[in-house]
Amino acid sequence: VQLQASGGGLVQAGGSLRLSCAASGRTFRNYDMGWFRQAPGKEREFVAFIVWSGSSTYYADSVKSRFTISRNNTKNTVYLQMNSLKPEDTAVYYCTASGNVYDPDYWGKGTQVTVSS
C-alpha cells in the first residue's frame, strides 16, 4: 500500500489543522491506520491509531482530547483533526498502515506541521 499525507502547514498556537492520508490499493478497508510524528532532534512517536472498521481508536496521552482520528473507507482516506494546537505539536507527521499500534508495516512520506507561539 502507498500512503500520501497532506494538510500540514503553519498555524498559531490554539489553532486547528486537519491532516489527510490517501492510500492506494483496494484493500484499504482491511488496514488498521495510524499517525506518528517526529519533532526536530527527537525520536519518532506514536500519535493515534484507528482499526479497520473505525470502531476503535487509540491516542497518545499528549494529544488525547485534542486530536481525533477518523477514516472514510469509501475514499481510502484517514484523517487527523488537530485542535488546540501547541508549539510542542510541531513535527513531521507520518501516516501508517497495518501492523500493530506501535509497529506499523507501511509508512508514508511525512507532512510538516509547525505551530507558532
N, C-alpha and C. Protein backbone atom coordinates (compact mmCIF):
# COMPACT_ATOMS: atom_id res chain seq x y z
N VAL A 1 0.84 -1.18 0.00
CA VAL A 1 0.00 0.00 0.00
C VAL A 1 0.88 1.24 0.00
N GLN A 2 0.46 2.26 -0.74
CA GLN A 2 1.17 3.53 -0.76
C GLN A 2 0.34 4.59 -0.04
N LEU A 3 1.01 5.42 0.73
CA LEU A 3 0.33 6.40 1.56
C LEU A 3 0.83 7.80 1.24
N GLN A 4 -0.07 8.74 1.11
CA GLN A 4 0.30 10.12 0.81
C GLN A 4 -0.41 11.05 1.78
N ALA A 5 0.37 11.65 2.67
CA ALA A 5 -0.19 12.57 3.66
C ALA A 5 -0.19 13.99 3.12
N SER A 6 -1.16 14.77 3.55
CA SER A 6 -1.26 16.18 3.17
C SER A 6 -1.98 16.95 4.26
N GLY A 7 -1.97 18.28 4.13
CA GLY A 7 -2.71 19.10 5.07
C GLY A 7 -1.88 19.80 6.11
N GLY A 8 -0.58 19.55 6.12
CA GLY A 8 0.27 20.23 7.07
C GLY A 8 0.42 21.70 6.73
N GLY A 9 1.02 22.44 7.65
CA GLY A 9 1.22 23.86 7.42
C GLY A 9 1.63 24.58 8.68
N LEU A 10 1.55 25.89 8.62
CA LEU A 10 1.91 26.76 9.75
C LEU A 10 0.63 27.29 10.37
N VAL A 11 0.52 27.15 11.69
CA VAL A 11 -0.66 27.62 12.40
C VAL A 11 -0.24 28.19 13.75
N GLN A 12 -1.00 29.13 14.25
CA GLN A 12 -0.70 29.70 15.57
C GLN A 12 -1.19 28.77 16.67
N ALA A 13 -0.57 28.89 17.81
CA ALA A 13 -0.99 28.10 18.97
C ALA A 13 -2.48 28.34 19.24
N GLY A 14 -3.17 27.25 19.53
CA GLY A 14 -4.61 27.32 19.75
C GLY A 14 -5.43 27.06 18.49
N GLY A 15 -4.76 27.03 17.36
CA GLY A 15 -5.44 26.82 16.10
C GLY A 15 -5.67 25.35 15.79
N SER A 16 -6.18 25.10 14.58
CA SER A 16 -6.52 23.74 14.16
C SER A 16 -5.98 23.45 12.77
N LEU A 17 -5.74 22.19 12.53
CA LEU A 17 -5.39 21.68 11.21
C LEU A 17 -6.01 20.30 11.05
N ARG A 18 -6.29 19.95 9.82
CA ARG A 18 -6.73 18.58 9.54
C ARG A 18 -5.79 17.95 8.53
N LEU A 19 -5.17 16.87 8.94
CA LEU A 19 -4.32 16.11 8.05
C LEU A 19 -5.13 15.03 7.36
N SER A 20 -4.76 14.75 6.12
CA SER A 20 -5.39 13.67 5.36
C SER A 20 -4.31 12.72 4.89
N CYS A 21 -4.69 11.47 4.73
CA CYS A 21 -3.76 10.48 4.19
C CYS A 21 -4.54 9.61 3.21
N ALA A 22 -4.16 9.73 1.95
CA ALA A 22 -4.80 8.93 0.90
C ALA A 22 -3.98 7.67 0.68
N ALA A 23 -4.66 6.55 0.65
CA ALA A 23 -3.99 5.26 0.49
C ALA A 23 -4.38 4.63 -0.83
N SER A 24 -3.43 4.01 -1.46
CA SER A 24 -3.71 3.30 -2.70
C SER A 24 -4.06 1.86 -2.37
N GLY A 25 -4.68 1.18 -3.30
CA GLY A 25 -4.96 -0.23 -3.11
C GLY A 25 -6.40 -0.50 -2.74
N ARG A 26 -6.90 -1.63 -3.21
CA ARG A 26 -8.28 -1.99 -2.97
C ARG A 26 -8.53 -2.49 -1.56
N THR A 27 -7.44 -2.83 -0.83
CA THR A 27 -7.63 -3.44 0.48
C THR A 27 -7.51 -2.45 1.62
N PHE A 28 -7.66 -1.16 1.33
CA PHE A 28 -7.54 -0.15 2.37
C PHE A 28 -8.44 -0.46 3.55
N ARG A 29 -9.66 -0.91 3.25
CA ARG A 29 -10.62 -1.13 4.33
C ARG A 29 -10.18 -2.24 5.26
N ASN A 30 -9.19 -3.02 4.87
CA ASN A 30 -8.70 -4.10 5.73
C ASN A 30 -7.59 -3.65 6.67
N TYR A 31 -7.07 -2.44 6.44
CA TYR A 31 -5.90 -2.00 7.18
C TYR A 31 -6.29 -1.17 8.40
N ASP A 32 -5.64 -1.45 9.51
CA ASP A 32 -5.65 -0.51 10.61
C ASP A 32 -4.71 0.63 10.22
N MET A 33 -5.03 1.85 10.62
CA MET A 33 -4.27 3.01 10.19
C MET A 33 -3.83 3.83 11.39
N GLY A 34 -2.74 4.58 11.20
CA GLY A 34 -2.26 5.38 12.32
C GLY A 34 -1.50 6.62 11.87
N TRP A 35 -1.16 7.41 12.86
CA TRP A 35 -0.32 8.59 12.67
C TRP A 35 0.79 8.57 13.71
N PHE A 36 1.98 8.92 13.23
CA PHE A 36 3.14 9.13 14.09
C PHE A 36 3.67 10.52 13.79
N ARG A 37 4.57 11.00 14.64
CA ARG A 37 5.21 12.29 14.38
C ARG A 37 6.65 12.26 14.87
N GLN A 38 7.43 13.14 14.28
CA GLN A 38 8.82 13.27 14.71
C GLN A 38 9.19 14.74 14.75
N ALA A 39 9.51 15.20 15.94
CA ALA A 39 9.94 16.58 16.13
C ALA A 39 11.45 16.67 15.94
N PRO A 40 11.96 17.86 15.63
CA PRO A 40 13.41 18.03 15.43
C PRO A 40 14.19 17.57 16.65
N GLY A 41 15.17 16.70 16.42
CA GLY A 41 16.03 16.24 17.50
C GLY A 41 15.41 15.20 18.42
N LYS A 42 14.21 14.74 18.06
CA LYS A 42 13.53 13.76 18.92
C LYS A 42 13.22 12.50 18.14
N GLU A 43 12.94 11.43 18.87
CA GLU A 43 12.56 10.18 18.23
C GLU A 43 11.13 10.25 17.72
N ARG A 44 10.86 9.42 16.73
CA ARG A 44 9.51 9.34 16.21
C ARG A 44 8.59 8.79 17.30
N GLU A 45 7.38 9.32 17.41
CA GLU A 45 6.47 8.89 18.45
C GLU A 45 5.07 8.65 17.90
N PHE A 46 4.39 7.73 18.55
CA PHE A 46 3.01 7.39 18.22
C PHE A 46 2.09 8.55 18.54
N VAL A 47 1.10 8.78 17.67
CA VAL A 47 0.11 9.82 17.89
C VAL A 47 -1.30 9.24 18.05
N ALA A 48 -1.75 8.49 17.03
CA ALA A 48 -3.12 7.99 17.04
C ALA A 48 -3.23 6.76 16.15
N PHE A 49 -4.29 5.99 16.38
CA PHE A 49 -4.50 4.72 15.68
C PHE A 49 -5.98 4.47 15.57
N ILE A 50 -6.40 3.89 14.42
CA ILE A 50 -7.80 3.54 14.23
C ILE A 50 -7.87 2.18 13.56
N VAL A 51 -8.75 1.33 14.06
CA VAL A 51 -8.86 0.00 13.49
C VAL A 51 -9.58 0.06 12.15
N TRP A 52 -9.53 -1.03 11.41
CA TRP A 52 -10.02 -1.04 10.03
C TRP A 52 -11.48 -0.61 9.92
N SER A 53 -12.30 -0.95 10.90
CA SER A 53 -13.72 -0.63 10.83
C SER A 53 -14.03 0.77 11.33
N GLY A 54 -13.07 1.39 12.00
CA GLY A 54 -13.32 2.69 12.59
C GLY A 54 -13.96 2.61 13.97
N SER A 55 -14.19 1.42 14.46
CA SER A 55 -14.93 1.24 15.70
C SER A 55 -14.09 1.50 16.95
N SER A 56 -12.77 1.47 16.82
CA SER A 56 -11.90 1.71 17.97
C SER A 56 -10.76 2.64 17.58
N THR A 57 -10.43 3.52 18.50
CA THR A 57 -9.32 4.45 18.29
C THR A 57 -8.44 4.49 19.54
N TYR A 58 -7.19 4.87 19.36
CA TYR A 58 -6.24 4.98 20.46
C TYR A 58 -5.40 6.25 20.25
N TYR A 59 -5.05 6.86 21.35
CA TYR A 59 -4.31 8.12 21.27
C TYR A 59 -3.16 8.15 22.27
N ALA A 60 -2.12 8.87 21.89
CA ALA A 60 -1.08 9.18 22.85
C ALA A 60 -1.66 10.13 23.89
N ASP A 61 -1.21 10.02 25.12
CA ASP A 61 -1.73 10.87 26.19
C ASP A 61 -1.54 12.35 25.86
N SER A 62 -0.48 12.68 25.15
CA SER A 62 -0.17 14.08 24.86
C SER A 62 -1.16 14.74 23.91
N VAL A 63 -1.94 13.94 23.18
CA VAL A 63 -2.88 14.51 22.21
C VAL A 63 -4.32 14.16 22.52
N LYS A 64 -4.52 13.31 23.49
CA LYS A 64 -5.88 12.87 23.83
C LYS A 64 -6.74 14.08 24.15
N SER A 65 -7.95 14.10 23.66
CA SER A 65 -8.96 15.15 23.82
C SER A 65 -8.72 16.35 22.90
N ARG A 66 -7.57 16.40 22.23
CA ARG A 66 -7.31 17.49 21.28
C ARG A 66 -7.32 17.00 19.84
N PHE A 67 -6.87 15.77 19.62
CA PHE A 67 -6.79 15.22 18.27
C PHE A 67 -7.86 14.14 18.10
N THR A 68 -8.35 14.02 16.86
CA THR A 68 -9.32 12.98 16.53
C THR A 68 -8.92 12.31 15.22
N ILE A 69 -8.79 11.00 15.28
CA ILE A 69 -8.50 10.21 14.07
C ILE A 69 -9.81 9.63 13.54
N SER A 70 -9.96 9.64 12.23
CA SER A 70 -11.16 9.07 11.61
C SER A 70 -10.77 8.54 10.24
N ARG A 71 -11.70 7.85 9.60
CA ARG A 71 -11.40 7.28 8.29
C ARG A 71 -12.66 7.21 7.46
N ASN A 72 -12.46 7.22 6.15
CA ASN A 72 -13.54 7.03 5.19
C ASN A 72 -13.08 5.93 4.24
N ASN A 73 -13.60 4.74 4.44
CA ASN A 73 -13.13 3.60 3.65
C ASN A 73 -13.58 3.67 2.19
N THR A 74 -14.60 4.43 1.91
CA THR A 74 -15.02 4.57 0.51
C THR A 74 -14.08 5.51 -0.25
N LYS A 75 -13.38 6.36 0.49
CA LYS A 75 -12.43 7.28 -0.13
C LYS A 75 -10.99 6.87 0.10
N ASN A 76 -10.79 5.74 0.77
CA ASN A 76 -9.43 5.26 1.05
C ASN A 76 -8.61 6.33 1.76
N THR A 77 -9.20 6.99 2.71
CA THR A 77 -8.55 8.13 3.36
C THR A 77 -8.71 8.05 4.87
N VAL A 78 -7.64 8.39 5.56
CA VAL A 78 -7.68 8.53 7.01
C VAL A 78 -7.34 9.98 7.35
N TYR A 79 -7.95 10.50 8.41
CA TYR A 79 -7.81 11.90 8.78
C TYR A 79 -7.28 12.03 10.20
N LEU A 80 -6.65 13.17 10.45
CA LEU A 80 -6.27 13.52 11.82
C LEU A 80 -6.67 14.98 12.04
N GLN A 81 -7.75 15.17 12.77
CA GLN A 81 -8.19 16.51 13.14
C GLN A 81 -7.44 16.94 14.38
N MET A 82 -6.72 18.05 14.27
CA MET A 82 -5.90 18.52 15.37
C MET A 82 -6.40 19.88 15.84
N ASN A 83 -6.87 19.94 17.06
CA ASN A 83 -7.39 21.17 17.65
C ASN A 83 -6.51 21.62 18.82
N SER A 84 -6.68 22.85 19.21
CA SER A 84 -5.93 23.41 20.35
C SER A 84 -4.44 23.09 20.22
N LEU A 85 -3.91 23.37 19.07
CA LEU A 85 -2.52 23.02 18.79
C LEU A 85 -1.57 23.81 19.68
N LYS A 86 -0.47 23.14 20.03
CA LYS A 86 0.56 23.73 20.89
C LYS A 86 1.89 23.74 20.14
N PRO A 87 2.80 24.62 20.52
CA PRO A 87 4.12 24.61 19.86
C PRO A 87 4.79 23.25 19.92
N GLU A 88 4.56 22.50 20.99
CA GLU A 88 5.19 21.18 21.11
C GLU A 88 4.58 20.13 20.17
N ASP A 89 3.53 20.50 19.45
CA ASP A 89 2.97 19.62 18.42
C ASP A 89 3.73 19.76 17.10
N THR A 90 4.63 20.72 17.03
CA THR A 90 5.42 20.91 15.83
C THR A 90 6.24 19.67 15.52
N ALA A 91 6.07 19.14 14.31
CA ALA A 91 6.73 17.90 13.93
C ALA A 91 6.39 17.58 12.49
N VAL A 92 7.08 16.59 11.95
CA VAL A 92 6.66 15.97 10.70
C VAL A 92 5.73 14.83 11.07
N TYR A 93 4.56 14.82 10.47
CA TYR A 93 3.55 13.81 10.77
C TYR A 93 3.52 12.77 9.65
N TYR A 94 3.50 11.50 10.07
CA TYR A 94 3.53 10.38 9.14
C TYR A 94 2.27 9.53 9.28
N CYS A 95 1.76 9.15 8.15
CA CYS A 95 0.63 8.23 8.10
C CYS A 95 1.17 6.80 8.03
N THR A 96 0.51 5.88 8.71
CA THR A 96 0.97 4.49 8.72
C THR A 96 -0.20 3.54 8.47
N ALA A 97 0.15 2.31 8.10
CA ALA A 97 -0.89 1.32 7.83
C ALA A 97 -0.44 -0.06 8.28
N SER A 98 -1.42 -0.84 8.71
CA SER A 98 -1.24 -2.24 9.07
C SER A 98 -0.28 -2.43 10.22
N GLY A 99 0.05 -3.66 10.53
CA GLY A 99 0.90 -3.95 11.67
C GLY A 99 0.13 -3.72 12.96
N ASN A 100 0.84 -3.46 14.03
CA ASN A 100 0.15 -3.18 15.27
C ASN A 100 0.27 -1.70 15.60
N VAL A 101 -0.27 -1.32 16.71
CA VAL A 101 -0.39 0.11 17.05
C VAL A 101 0.95 0.82 17.01
N TYR A 102 1.97 0.22 17.60
CA TYR A 102 3.26 0.89 17.73
C TYR A 102 4.30 0.42 16.72
N ASP A 103 3.96 -0.50 15.87
CA ASP A 103 4.93 -1.03 14.90
C ASP A 103 4.24 -1.30 13.57
N PRO A 104 3.88 -0.24 12.86
CA PRO A 104 3.16 -0.41 11.59
C PRO A 104 4.05 -0.99 10.50
N ASP A 105 3.38 -1.55 9.48
CA ASP A 105 4.10 -2.16 8.38
C ASP A 105 4.47 -1.15 7.29
N TYR A 106 3.60 -0.17 7.10
CA TYR A 106 3.79 0.77 5.99
C TYR A 106 3.82 2.21 6.50
N TRP A 107 4.69 2.99 5.87
CA TRP A 107 4.84 4.40 6.24
C TRP A 107 4.75 5.25 4.99
N GLY A 108 4.05 6.38 5.12
CA GLY A 108 4.04 7.34 4.04
C GLY A 108 5.08 8.42 4.26
N LYS A 109 5.24 9.26 3.27
CA LYS A 109 6.08 10.44 3.44
C LYS A 109 5.36 11.40 4.37
N GLY A 110 6.10 12.13 5.14
CA GLY A 110 5.50 12.98 6.14
C GLY A 110 5.01 14.31 5.60
N THR A 111 4.24 14.98 6.44
CA THR A 111 3.80 16.34 6.17
C THR A 111 4.15 17.20 7.39
N GLN A 112 4.70 18.38 7.12
CA GLN A 112 5.21 19.22 8.19
C GLN A 112 4.08 20.02 8.84
N VAL A 113 4.04 19.99 10.15
CA VAL A 113 3.13 20.82 10.94
C VAL A 113 3.99 21.70 11.84
N THR A 114 3.77 23.01 11.74
CA THR A 114 4.52 23.96 12.56
C THR A 114 3.52 24.83 13.31
N VAL A 115 3.66 24.85 14.63
CA VAL A 115 2.77 25.63 15.49
C VAL A 115 3.59 26.74 16.12
N SER A 116 3.22 27.97 15.83
CA SER A 116 3.95 29.11 16.36
C SER A 116 3.32 29.59 17.67
N SER A 117 4.16 30.10 18.54
CA SER A 117 3.66 30.56 19.85
C SER A 117 3.24 32.02 19.81
